[in-house]
């Protein structure tokens, strides 16, 4: 099933066609928008087209790096991140439970 989705990236609106749900396209657009804005903060005088290319290159570099990572290392990295998130959740839950009493 094909759907049309309107997204905004770096202040410009784009109407895109997507197979399946447009929610995924919206999520990806938000990611690209965020990355472009982060890059624009450190390079405020770069024109939008160049900023888009630099953002795409940065994302591609991260993707290639991830693809080149051994599956065992990737799994360990995910495990460490999850462990950190669980610890943060435990801390927040403990604080909110003790603060509520």
C-alpha atoms as a PDB file:
ATOM      1  CA  UNK A   1       0.000   0.000   0.000  1.00  0.00           C
ATOM      2  CA  UNK A   2       1.330   3.400  -0.946  1.00  0.00           C
ATOM      3  CA  UNK A   3       0.676   6.509   1.120  1.00  0.00           C
ATOM      4  CA  UNK A   4       1.489  10.204   0.836  1.00  0.00           C
ATOM      5  CA  UNK A   5       3.139  11.936   3.737  1.00  0.00           C
ATOM      6  CA  UNK A   6       4.118  15.551   4.189  1.00  0.00           C
ATOM      7  CA  UNK A   7       7.271  16.130   6.227  1.00  0.00           C
ATOM      8  CA  UNK A   8       9.345  19.147   7.143  1.00  0.00           C
ATOM      9  CA  UNK A   9      13.119  19.066   7.023  1.00  0.00           C
ATOM     10  CA  UNK A  10      15.142  22.148   7.902  1.00  0.00           C
ATOM     11  CA  UNK A  11      12.210  24.479   7.370  1.00  0.00           C
ATOM     12  CA  UNK A  12      11.115  23.063   3.995  1.00  0.00           C
ATOM     13  CA  UNK A  13       8.037  20.935   3.436  1.00  0.00           C
ATOM     14  CA  UNK A  14       8.177  17.847   1.246  1.00  0.00           C
ATOM     15  CA  UNK A  15       5.297  15.675   0.086  1.00  0.00           C
ATOM     16  CA  UNK A  16       6.598  12.138  -0.213  1.00  0.00           C
ATOM     17  CA  UNK A  17       5.157   8.825  -1.308  1.00  0.00           C
ATOM     18  CA  UNK A  18       5.926   5.831   0.851  1.00  0.00           C
ATOM     19  CA  UNK A  19       5.124   2.170   0.738  1.00  0.00           C
ATOM     20  CA  UNK A  20       3.223   1.195   3.861  1.00  0.00           C
ATOM     21  CA  UNK A  21       2.724   3.620   6.695  1.00  0.00           C
ATOM     22  CA  UNK A  22       3.920   7.185   6.441  1.00  0.00           C
ATOM     23  CA  UNK A  23       4.898   7.083  10.122  1.00  0.00           C
ATOM     24  CA  UNK A  24       8.301   5.626   9.271  1.00  0.00           C
ATOM     25  CA  UNK A  25       8.962   8.379   6.726  1.00  0.00           C
ATOM     26  CA  UNK A  26       7.957  10.982   9.308  1.00  0.00           C
ATOM     27  CA  UNK A  27      10.323   9.424  11.847  1.00  0.00           C
ATOM     28  CA  UNK A  28      13.187   9.416   9.329  1.00  0.00           C
ATOM     29  CA  UNK A  29      12.474  13.021   8.344  1.00  0.00           C
ATOM     30  CA  UNK A  30      12.612  14.100  11.989  1.00  0.00           C
ATOM     31  CA  UNK A  31      15.966  12.343  12.340  1.00  0.00           C
ATOM     32  CA  UNK A  32      17.400  14.052   9.240  1.00  0.00           C
ATOM     33  CA  UNK A  33      15.999  17.420  10.367  1.00  0.00           C
ATOM     34  CA  UNK A  34      17.608  17.015  13.791  1.00  0.00           C
ATOM     35  CA  UNK A  35      20.964  16.081  12.280  1.00  0.00           C
ATOM     36  CA  UNK A  36      20.879  19.013   9.854  1.00  0.00           C
ATOM     37  CA  UNK A  37      20.069  21.409  12.696  1.00  0.00           C
ATOM     38  CA  UNK A  38      22.936  20.013  14.792  1.00  0.00           C
ATOM     39  CA  UNK A  39      25.351  20.518  11.908  1.00  0.00           C
ATOM     40  CA  UNK A  40      23.977  24.020  11.221  1.00  0.00           C
ATOM     41  CA  UNK A  41      24.761  24.997  14.818  1.00  0.00           C
ATOM     42  CA  UNK A  42      28.473  24.352  14.288  1.00  0.00           C
ATOM     43  CA  UNK A  43      28.497  25.573  10.660  1.00  0.00           C
ATOM     44  CA  UNK A  44      25.976  28.442  10.582  1.00  0.00           C
ATOM     45  CA  UNK A  45      27.173  29.975   7.288  1.00  0.00           C
ATOM     46  CA  UNK A  46      26.923  26.840   5.145  1.00  0.00           C
ATOM     47  CA  UNK A  47      24.162  26.949   2.528  1.00  0.00           C
ATOM     48  CA  UNK A  48      21.290  24.494   2.817  1.00  0.00           C
ATOM     49  CA  UNK A  49      22.277  22.296  -0.139  1.00  0.00           C
ATOM     50  CA  UNK A  50      25.804  21.822   1.178  1.00  0.00           C
ATOM     51  CA  UNK A  51      24.438  21.237   4.673  1.00  0.00           C
ATOM     52  CA  UNK A  52      22.162  18.496   3.311  1.00  0.00           C
ATOM     53  CA  UNK A  53      25.080  16.795   1.548  1.00  0.00           C
ATOM     54  CA  UNK A  54      27.278  17.005   4.651  1.00  0.00           C
ATOM     55  CA  UNK A  55      24.446  15.571   6.759  1.00  0.00           C
ATOM     56  CA  UNK A  56      23.965  12.717   4.290  1.00  0.00           C
ATOM     57  CA  UNK A  57      27.707  11.978   4.348  1.00  0.00           C
ATOM     58  CA  UNK A  58      27.765  11.962   8.157  1.00  0.00           C
ATOM     59  CA  UNK A  59      24.796   9.573   8.311  1.00  0.00           C
ATOM     60  CA  UNK A  60      26.344   7.344   5.617  1.00  0.00           C
ATOM     61  CA  UNK A  61      29.624   7.276   7.557  1.00  0.00           C
ATOM     62  CA  UNK A  62      27.790   6.147  10.687  1.00  0.00           C
ATOM     63  CA  UNK A  63      25.901   3.497   8.724  1.00  0.00           C
ATOM     64  CA  UNK A  64      29.059   2.135   7.084  1.00  0.00           C
ATOM     65  CA  UNK A  65      30.827   2.118  10.438  1.00  0.00           C
ATOM     66  CA  UNK A  66      27.950   0.173  11.950  1.00  0.00           C
ATOM     67  CA  UNK A  67      27.887  -2.285   9.051  1.00  0.00           C
ATOM     68  CA  UNK A  68      31.636  -2.850   9.393  1.00  0.00           C
ATOM     69  CA  UNK A  69      31.360  -3.554  13.120  1.00  0.00           C
ATOM     70  CA  UNK A  70      31.555  -7.198  14.063  1.00  0.00           C
ATOM     71  CA  UNK A  71      28.174  -8.586  15.147  1.00  0.00           C
ATOM     72  CA  UNK A  72      29.564  -9.533  18.589  1.00  0.00           C
ATOM     73  CA  UNK A  73      30.800  -5.989  19.226  1.00  0.00           C
ATOM     74  CA  UNK A  74      27.505  -4.562  17.992  1.00  0.00           C
ATOM     75  CA  UNK A  75      25.596  -6.845  20.369  1.00  0.00           C
ATOM     76  CA  UNK A  76      27.828  -5.854  23.282  1.00  0.00           C
ATOM     77  CA  UNK A  77      27.370  -2.163  22.499  1.00  0.00           C
ATOM     78  CA  UNK A  78      23.587  -2.596  22.471  1.00  0.00           C
ATOM     79  CA  UNK A  79      23.774  -4.554  25.720  1.00  0.00           C
ATOM     80  CA  UNK A  80      25.774  -1.752  27.375  1.00  0.00           C
ATOM     81  CA  UNK A  81      23.355   0.918  26.173  1.00  0.00           C
ATOM     82  CA  UNK A  82      20.376  -1.082  27.414  1.00  0.00           C
ATOM     83  CA  UNK A  83      22.085  -1.623  30.747  1.00  0.00           C
ATOM     84  CA  UNK A  84      22.621   2.125  31.069  1.00  0.00           C
ATOM     85  CA  UNK A  85      19.002   2.852  30.164  1.00  0.00           C
ATOM     86  CA  UNK A  86      17.751   0.326  32.721  1.00  0.00           C
ATOM     87  CA  UNK A  87      19.944   1.941  35.401  1.00  0.00           C
ATOM     88  CA  UNK A  88      18.558   5.391  34.524  1.00  0.00           C
ATOM     89  CA  UNK A  89      14.987   4.091  34.641  1.00  0.00           C
ATOM     90  CA  UNK A  90      15.632   2.451  38.011  1.00  0.00           C
ATOM     91  CA  UNK A  91      17.035   5.730  39.314  1.00  0.00           C
ATOM     92  CA  UNK A  92      14.039   7.746  38.087  1.00  0.00           C
ATOM     93  CA  UNK A  93      11.547   5.219  39.418  1.00  0.00           C
ATOM     94  CA  UNK A  94      13.292   5.069  42.790  1.00  0.00           C
ATOM     95  CA  UNK A  95      13.383   8.858  43.028  1.00  0.00           C
ATOM     96  CA  UNK A  96       9.736   9.242  42.066  1.00  0.00           C
ATOM     97  CA  UNK A  97       8.630   6.515  44.493  1.00  0.00           C
ATOM     98  CA  UNK A  98      10.551   7.980  47.443  1.00  0.00           C
ATOM     99  CA  UNK A  99       9.485  11.513  46.545  1.00  0.00           C
ATOM    100  CA  UNK A 100       5.810  10.535  46.438  1.00  0.00           C
ATOM    101  CA  UNK A 101       5.729   9.173  50.016  1.00  0.00           C
END
